[in-house]
C-alpha cells in the first residue's frame, strides 16, 4: 500500500472517501508499483492499495481536493484503464473493505459460441472471472465492487442485446437448462 502525504490534517478538515476501481492492463508487480506511485502522487490522495490478482485498486482520497475523474486520468497517464466501481465516504457501511462477490445470471438470447465470446470479452474489464455456458444460458461471474458492479454488468449485457436475470445462489439452473436445450434446438 502506498501512503501519500498531505499538507496538514486534511482528514478532519475535508473528510475522506474511498473509491474502488477495476484496473485493466496490469501484468506484474512492477505495474502495481507504477499505479500506486502515480495515483498516490495525485494531490488529495491519502492512500492507494492495488491488487494484481483482482485487477483492482482502492484509493482513499479527499473529495474536496480531487475528483474521481482525475483519479481515472492518473491511471490513464501511465497506461492503465480504470473503471470506477464504487465511491463512498469513510465510515459508510459500503466503504468497508469489499472482497470479490459471485453471481449467477440467466442470460436470454445466447444462441452460439460467438455470443459467449462477445459477452466474455465485453465483461473482461468488469469481472475478475466470467464463465458463460451456451447450452444452459448461465453466466457465472466473480467481480469486485458489490451491487454497483453487478448493475454495470447487467447494463452492459442489455447494451449488447442480452436480457439477464440474477439467480439465487442455491439455484443450479437445471430447469433453465431444459428450457435452453429446447430453445437452441428450435434455432
C-alpha atoms as a PDB file:
ATOM      1  CA  UNK A   1       0.000   0.000   0.000  1.00  0.00           C
ATOM      2  CA  UNK A   2       1.345   3.396  -0.972  1.00  0.00           C
ATOM      3  CA  UNK A   3       0.827   6.136   1.587  1.00  0.00           C
ATOM      4  CA  UNK A   4       0.683   9.625   0.123  1.00  0.00           C
ATOM      5  CA  UNK A   5       1.349  12.606   2.304  1.00  0.00           C
ATOM      6  CA  UNK A   6      -0.920  15.612   2.704  1.00  0.00           C
ATOM      7  CA  UNK A   7      -0.088  19.030   3.975  1.00  0.00           C
ATOM      8  CA  UNK A   8      -1.680  19.408   7.418  1.00  0.00           C
ATOM      9  CA  UNK A   9      -4.502  17.266   8.736  1.00  0.00           C
ATOM     10  CA  UNK A  10      -6.735  17.133   5.654  1.00  0.00           C
ATOM     11  CA  UNK A  11      -8.785  14.217   7.015  1.00  0.00           C
ATOM     12  CA  UNK A  12     -10.543  16.218   9.688  1.00  0.00           C
ATOM     13  CA  UNK A  13     -10.973  19.277   7.505  1.00  0.00           C
ATOM     14  CA  UNK A  14     -12.046  17.689   4.227  1.00  0.00           C
ATOM     15  CA  UNK A  15     -13.363  14.200   5.091  1.00  0.00           C
ATOM     16  CA  UNK A  16     -12.077  11.123   3.360  1.00  0.00           C
ATOM     17  CA  UNK A  17     -13.695   8.949   0.716  1.00  0.00           C
ATOM     18  CA  UNK A  18     -12.840   5.571  -0.760  1.00  0.00           C
ATOM     19  CA  UNK A  19     -13.052   4.886  -4.492  1.00  0.00           C
ATOM     20  CA  UNK A  20     -12.703   1.358  -5.849  1.00  0.00           C
ATOM     21  CA  UNK A  21     -11.626   0.792  -9.438  1.00  0.00           C
ATOM     22  CA  UNK A  22     -11.276  -2.171 -11.775  1.00  0.00           C
ATOM     23  CA  UNK A  23      -7.862  -1.742 -13.399  1.00  0.00           C
ATOM     24  CA  UNK A  24      -7.031  -3.045 -16.851  1.00  0.00           C
ATOM     25  CA  UNK A  25      -3.586  -3.705 -18.274  1.00  0.00           C
ATOM     26  CA  UNK A  26      -1.639  -4.739 -15.170  1.00  0.00           C
ATOM     27  CA  UNK A  27       0.527  -7.818 -15.715  1.00  0.00           C
ATOM     28  CA  UNK A  28       3.144  -7.829 -12.933  1.00  0.00           C
ATOM     29  CA  UNK A  29       4.223  -6.344  -9.620  1.00  0.00           C
ATOM     30  CA  UNK A  30       6.011  -3.503 -11.436  1.00  0.00           C
ATOM     31  CA  UNK A  31       2.636  -2.443 -12.823  1.00  0.00           C
ATOM     32  CA  UNK A  32       1.260  -2.405  -9.276  1.00  0.00           C
ATOM     33  CA  UNK A  33       4.149  -0.173  -8.157  1.00  0.00           C
ATOM     34  CA  UNK A  34       3.632   2.208 -11.077  1.00  0.00           C
ATOM     35  CA  UNK A  35      -0.104   2.534 -10.332  1.00  0.00           C
ATOM     36  CA  UNK A  36       0.483   3.047  -6.610  1.00  0.00           C
ATOM     37  CA  UNK A  37       3.157   5.691  -7.271  1.00  0.00           C
ATOM     38  CA  UNK A  38       1.307   7.647  -9.937  1.00  0.00           C
ATOM     39  CA  UNK A  39      -2.130   7.620  -8.336  1.00  0.00           C
ATOM     40  CA  UNK A  40      -0.592   8.157  -4.880  1.00  0.00           C
ATOM     41  CA  UNK A  41       1.142  11.287  -6.171  1.00  0.00           C
ATOM     42  CA  UNK A  42      -2.140  12.989  -7.076  1.00  0.00           C
ATOM     43  CA  UNK A  43      -2.746  15.865  -4.634  1.00  0.00           C
ATOM     44  CA  UNK A  44      -5.546  14.902  -2.263  1.00  0.00           C
ATOM     45  CA  UNK A  45      -4.849  11.141  -2.351  1.00  0.00           C
ATOM     46  CA  UNK A  46      -4.218   9.712   1.121  1.00  0.00           C
ATOM     47  CA  UNK A  47      -3.538   6.038   0.293  1.00  0.00           C
ATOM     48  CA  UNK A  48      -3.639   3.563  -2.589  1.00  0.00           C
ATOM     49  CA  UNK A  49      -3.987  -0.241  -2.369  1.00  0.00           C
ATOM     50  CA  UNK A  50      -3.631  -2.180  -5.612  1.00  0.00           C
ATOM     51  CA  UNK A  51      -4.379  -5.877  -6.153  1.00  0.00           C
ATOM     52  CA  UNK A  52      -2.831  -7.509  -9.202  1.00  0.00           C
ATOM     53  CA  UNK A  53      -4.823 -10.707  -8.638  1.00  0.00           C
ATOM     54  CA  UNK A  54      -8.169  -8.893  -8.502  1.00  0.00           C
ATOM     55  CA  UNK A  55      -7.190  -6.237 -11.082  1.00  0.00           C
ATOM     56  CA  UNK A  56      -8.454  -3.630  -8.670  1.00  0.00           C
ATOM     57  CA  UNK A  57      -7.389  -0.541  -6.762  1.00  0.00           C
ATOM     58  CA  UNK A  58      -8.758   1.107  -3.657  1.00  0.00           C
ATOM     59  CA  UNK A  59      -7.989   4.813  -3.357  1.00  0.00           C
ATOM     60  CA  UNK A  60      -8.519   6.789  -0.140  1.00  0.00           C
ATOM     61  CA  UNK A  61      -8.803  10.446  -1.059  1.00  0.00           C
ATOM     62  CA  UNK A  62     -10.158  13.838  -0.014  1.00  0.00           C
ATOM     63  CA  UNK A  63     -13.102  14.773  -2.287  1.00  0.00           C
ATOM     64  CA  UNK A  64     -12.629  18.472  -1.607  1.00  0.00           C
ATOM     65  CA  UNK A  65      -9.175  18.233  -3.190  1.00  0.00           C
ATOM     66  CA  UNK A  66      -9.562  15.717  -6.036  1.00  0.00           C
ATOM     67  CA  UNK A  67     -12.388  14.200  -8.093  1.00  0.00           C
ATOM     68  CA  UNK A  68     -12.649  10.581  -9.230  1.00  0.00           C
ATOM     69  CA  UNK A  69     -12.335  11.559 -12.904  1.00  0.00           C
ATOM     70  CA  UNK A  70      -8.891  12.986 -12.053  1.00  0.00           C
ATOM     71  CA  UNK A  71      -8.006   9.656 -10.457  1.00  0.00           C
ATOM     72  CA  UNK A  72      -9.061   7.836 -13.644  1.00  0.00           C
ATOM     73  CA  UNK A  73      -6.790  10.199 -15.608  1.00  0.00           C
ATOM     74  CA  UNK A  74      -3.875   9.309 -13.298  1.00  0.00           C
ATOM     75  CA  UNK A  75      -4.325   5.617 -14.199  1.00  0.00           C
ATOM     76  CA  UNK A  76      -4.614   6.510 -17.881  1.00  0.00           C
ATOM     77  CA  UNK A  77      -1.497   8.723 -17.779  1.00  0.00           C
ATOM     78  CA  UNK A  78       0.655   5.666 -17.004  1.00  0.00           C
ATOM     79  CA  UNK A  79      -1.035   3.332 -19.499  1.00  0.00           C
ATOM     80  CA  UNK A  80      -3.732   1.560 -17.478  1.00  0.00           C
ATOM     81  CA  UNK A  81      -7.508   1.663 -17.769  1.00  0.00           C
ATOM     82  CA  UNK A  82      -9.605   2.293 -14.687  1.00  0.00           C
ATOM     83  CA  UNK A  83     -13.348   1.892 -14.242  1.00  0.00           C
ATOM     84  CA  UNK A  84     -14.936   3.342 -11.116  1.00  0.00           C
ATOM     85  CA  UNK A  85     -16.794   0.543  -9.308  1.00  0.00           C
ATOM     86  CA  UNK A  86     -17.816   2.263  -6.083  1.00  0.00           C
ATOM     87  CA  UNK A  87     -17.288   5.515  -4.246  1.00  0.00           C
ATOM     88  CA  UNK A  88     -18.226   6.211  -0.628  1.00  0.00           C
ATOM     89  CA  UNK A  89     -17.304   8.219   2.438  1.00  0.00           C
ATOM     90  CA  UNK A  90     -15.154   6.633   5.107  1.00  0.00           C
ATOM     91  CA  UNK A  91     -17.469   5.470   7.860  1.00  0.00           C
ATOM     92  CA  UNK A  92     -20.229   4.367   5.456  1.00  0.00           C
ATOM     93  CA  UNK A  93     -21.043   0.675   5.714  1.00  0.00           C
ATOM     94  CA  UNK A  94     -20.390   0.422   1.972  1.00  0.00           C
ATOM     95  CA  UNK A  95     -16.889   1.849   2.437  1.00  0.00           C
ATOM     96  CA  UNK A  96     -15.726  -1.207   4.354  1.00  0.00           C
ATOM     97  CA  UNK A  97     -13.251  -3.404   2.512  1.00  0.00           C
ATOM     98  CA  UNK A  98     -15.161  -5.282  -0.135  1.00  0.00           C
ATOM     99  CA  UNK A  99     -13.900  -8.637  -1.344  1.00  0.00           C
ATOM    100  CA  UNK A 100     -14.871 -10.410  -4.515  1.00  0.00           C
ATOM    101  CA  UNK A 101     -18.515 -11.388  -4.991  1.00  0.00           C
ATOM    102  CA  UNK A 102     -20.033 -14.067  -7.203  1.00  0.00           C
ATOM    103  CA  UNK A 103     -23.331 -14.117  -9.056  1.00  0.00           C
ATOM    104  CA  UNK A 104     -25.187 -16.443 -11.374  1.00  0.00           C
ATOM    105  CA  UNK A 105     -27.139 -14.899 -14.223  1.00  0.00           C
ATOM    106  CA  UNK A 106     -29.737 -16.411 -16.526  1.00  0.00           C
ATOM    107  CA  UNK A 107     -28.905 -14.782 -19.864  1.00  0.00           C
ATOM    108  CA  UNK A 108     -31.522 -14.839 -22.617  1.00  0.00           C
ATOM    109  CA  UNK A 109     -30.548 -14.552 -26.252  1.00  0.00           C
ATOM    110  CA  UNK A 110     -27.388 -16.672 -26.297  1.00  0.00           C
ATOM    111  CA  UNK A 111     -27.578 -18.781 -29.444  1.00  0.00           C
ATOM    112  CA  UNK A 112     -23.992 -19.793 -30.204  1.00  0.00           C
ATOM    113  CA  UNK A 113     -20.377 -19.701 -29.077  1.00  0.00           C
ATOM    114  CA  UNK A 114     -19.935 -16.294 -30.729  1.00  0.00           C
ATOM    115  CA  UNK A 115     -22.485 -14.884 -28.275  1.00  0.00           C
ATOM    116  CA  UNK A 116     -20.445 -16.371 -25.421  1.00  0.00           C
ATOM    117  CA  UNK A 117     -17.256 -14.770 -26.793  1.00  0.00           C
ATOM    118  CA  UNK A 118     -18.970 -11.377 -27.159  1.00  0.00           C
ATOM    119  CA  UNK A 119     -20.227 -11.491 -23.561  1.00  0.00           C
ATOM    120  CA  UNK A 120     -16.931 -12.682 -22.080  1.00  0.00           C
ATOM    121  CA  UNK A 121     -14.952 -10.016 -23.989  1.00  0.00           C
ATOM    122  CA  UNK A 122     -17.363  -7.236 -23.012  1.00  0.00           C
ATOM    123  CA  UNK A 123     -17.198  -8.148 -19.326  1.00  0.00           C
ATOM    124  CA  UNK A 124     -13.443  -8.783 -19.069  1.00  0.00           C
ATOM    125  CA  UNK A 125     -12.743  -5.350 -17.522  1.00  0.00           C
ATOM    126  CA  UNK A 126     -15.698  -5.542 -15.128  1.00  0.00           C
ATOM    127  CA  UNK A 127     -15.400  -9.086 -13.838  1.00  0.00           C
ATOM    128  CA  UNK A 128     -12.416 -10.980 -12.462  1.00  0.00           C
ATOM    129  CA  UNK A 129     -13.759 -14.218 -13.906  1.00  0.00           C
ATOM    130  CA  UNK A 130     -16.585 -14.881 -16.351  1.00  0.00           C
ATOM    131  CA  UNK A 131     -17.887 -18.253 -17.496  1.00  0.00           C
ATOM    132  CA  UNK A 132     -20.852 -18.405 -19.867  1.00  0.00           C
ATOM    133  CA  UNK A 133     -22.474 -21.720 -20.822  1.00  0.00           C
ATOM    134  CA  UNK A 134     -24.036 -21.663 -24.293  1.00  0.00           C
ATOM    135  CA  UNK A 135     -26.240 -24.704 -23.558  1.00  0.00           C
ATOM    136  CA  UNK A 136     -27.809 -23.502 -20.297  1.00  0.00           C
ATOM    137  CA  UNK A 137     -27.543 -19.756 -20.834  1.00  0.00           C
ATOM    138  CA  UNK A 138     -25.996 -19.453 -17.363  1.00  0.00           C
ATOM    139  CA  UNK A 139     -23.254 -16.930 -16.688  1.00  0.00           C
ATOM    140  CA  UNK A 140     -21.143 -17.305 -13.540  1.00  0.00           C
ATOM    141  CA  UNK A 141     -19.292 -14.130 -12.608  1.00  0.00           C
ATOM    142  CA  UNK A 142     -16.776 -13.116  -9.972  1.00  0.00           C
ATOM    143  CA  UNK A 143     -16.314  -9.372  -9.527  1.00  0.00           C
ATOM    144  CA  UNK A 144     -15.323  -6.635  -7.097  1.00  0.00           C
ATOM    145  CA  UNK A 145     -17.474  -3.632  -6.255  1.00  0.00           C
ATOM    146  CA  UNK A 146     -20.690  -5.193  -4.990  1.00  0.00           C
ATOM    147  CA  UNK A 147     -24.077  -4.179  -6.360  1.00  0.00           C
ATOM    148  CA  UNK A 148     -22.681  -1.224  -8.317  1.00  0.00           C
ATOM    149  CA  UNK A 149     -20.575  -3.598 -10.420  1.00  0.00           C
ATOM    150  CA  UNK A 150     -23.421  -6.059 -10.823  1.00  0.00           C
ATOM    151  CA  UNK A 151     -25.689  -3.239 -12.071  1.00  0.00           C
ATOM    152  CA  UNK A 152     -22.968  -2.194 -14.547  1.00  0.00           C
ATOM    153  CA  UNK A 153     -22.653  -5.800 -15.768  1.00  0.00           C
ATOM    154  CA  UNK A 154     -26.418  -6.083 -16.273  1.00  0.00           C
ATOM    155  CA  UNK A 155     -26.448  -2.751 -18.137  1.00  0.00           C
ATOM    156  CA  UNK A 156     -23.583  -3.900 -20.378  1.00  0.00           C
ATOM    157  CA  UNK A 157     -25.400  -7.134 -21.208  1.00  0.00           C
ATOM    158  CA  UNK A 158     -28.521  -5.126 -22.047  1.00  0.00           C
ATOM    159  CA  UNK A 159     -26.469  -2.820 -24.300  1.00  0.00           C
ATOM    160  CA  UNK A 160     -25.221  -5.941 -26.102  1.00  0.00           C
ATOM    161  CA  UNK A 161     -28.812  -7.103 -26.657  1.00  0.00           C
ATOM    162  CA  UNK A 162     -28.986  -9.792 -23.974  1.00  0.00           C
ATOM    163  CA  UNK A 163     -31.541  -9.885 -21.188  1.00  0.00           C
ATOM    164  CA  UNK A 164     -30.188 -11.196 -17.872  1.00  0.00           C
ATOM    165  CA  UNK A 165     -31.723 -12.058 -14.519  1.00  0.00           C
ATOM    166  CA  UNK A 166     -29.776 -12.639 -11.311  1.00  0.00           C
ATOM    167  CA  UNK A 167     -30.399 -16.133  -9.950  1.00  0.00           C
ATOM    168  CA  UNK A 168     -30.350 -17.089  -6.284  1.00  0.00           C
ATOM    169  CA  UNK A 169     -27.076 -18.776  -5.334  1.00  0.00           C
ATOM    170  CA  UNK A 170     -28.838 -22.067  -4.491  1.00  0.00           C
ATOM    171  CA  UNK A 171     -30.376 -22.259  -8.000  1.00  0.00           C
ATOM    172  CA  UNK A 172     -28.372 -24.798 -10.010  1.00  0.00           C
ATOM    173  CA  UNK A 173     -30.016 -23.755 -13.273  1.00  0.00           C
ATOM    174  CA  UNK A 174     -31.402 -27.260 -14.056  1.00  0.00           C
ATOM    175  CA  UNK A 175     -34.897 -26.043 -15.114  1.00  0.00           C
ATOM    176  CA  UNK A 176     -33.248 -23.352 -17.204  1.00  0.00           C
ATOM    177  CA  UNK A 177     -31.004 -25.922 -18.883  1.00  0.00           C
ATOM    178  CA  UNK A 178     -34.017 -27.937 -20.057  1.00  0.00           C
ATOM    179  CA  UNK A 179     -35.670 -24.813 -21.477  1.00  0.00           C
ATOM    180  CA  UNK A 180     -32.441 -23.707 -23.174  1.00  0.00           C
ATOM    181  CA  UNK A 181     -31.960 -27.092 -24.863  1.00  0.00           C
ATOM    182  CA  UNK A 182     -35.454 -26.783 -26.296  1.00  0.00           C
ATOM    183  CA  UNK A 183     -34.820 -23.147 -27.347  1.00  0.00           C
ATOM    184  CA  UNK A 184     -31.464 -23.960 -29.019  1.00  0.00           C
ATOM    185  CA  UNK A 185     -32.924 -26.967 -30.871  1.00  0.00           C
ATOM    186  CA  UNK A 186     -35.516 -24.638 -32.437  1.00  0.00           C
ATOM    187  CA  UNK A 187     -32.829 -22.381 -33.964  1.00  0.00           C
END
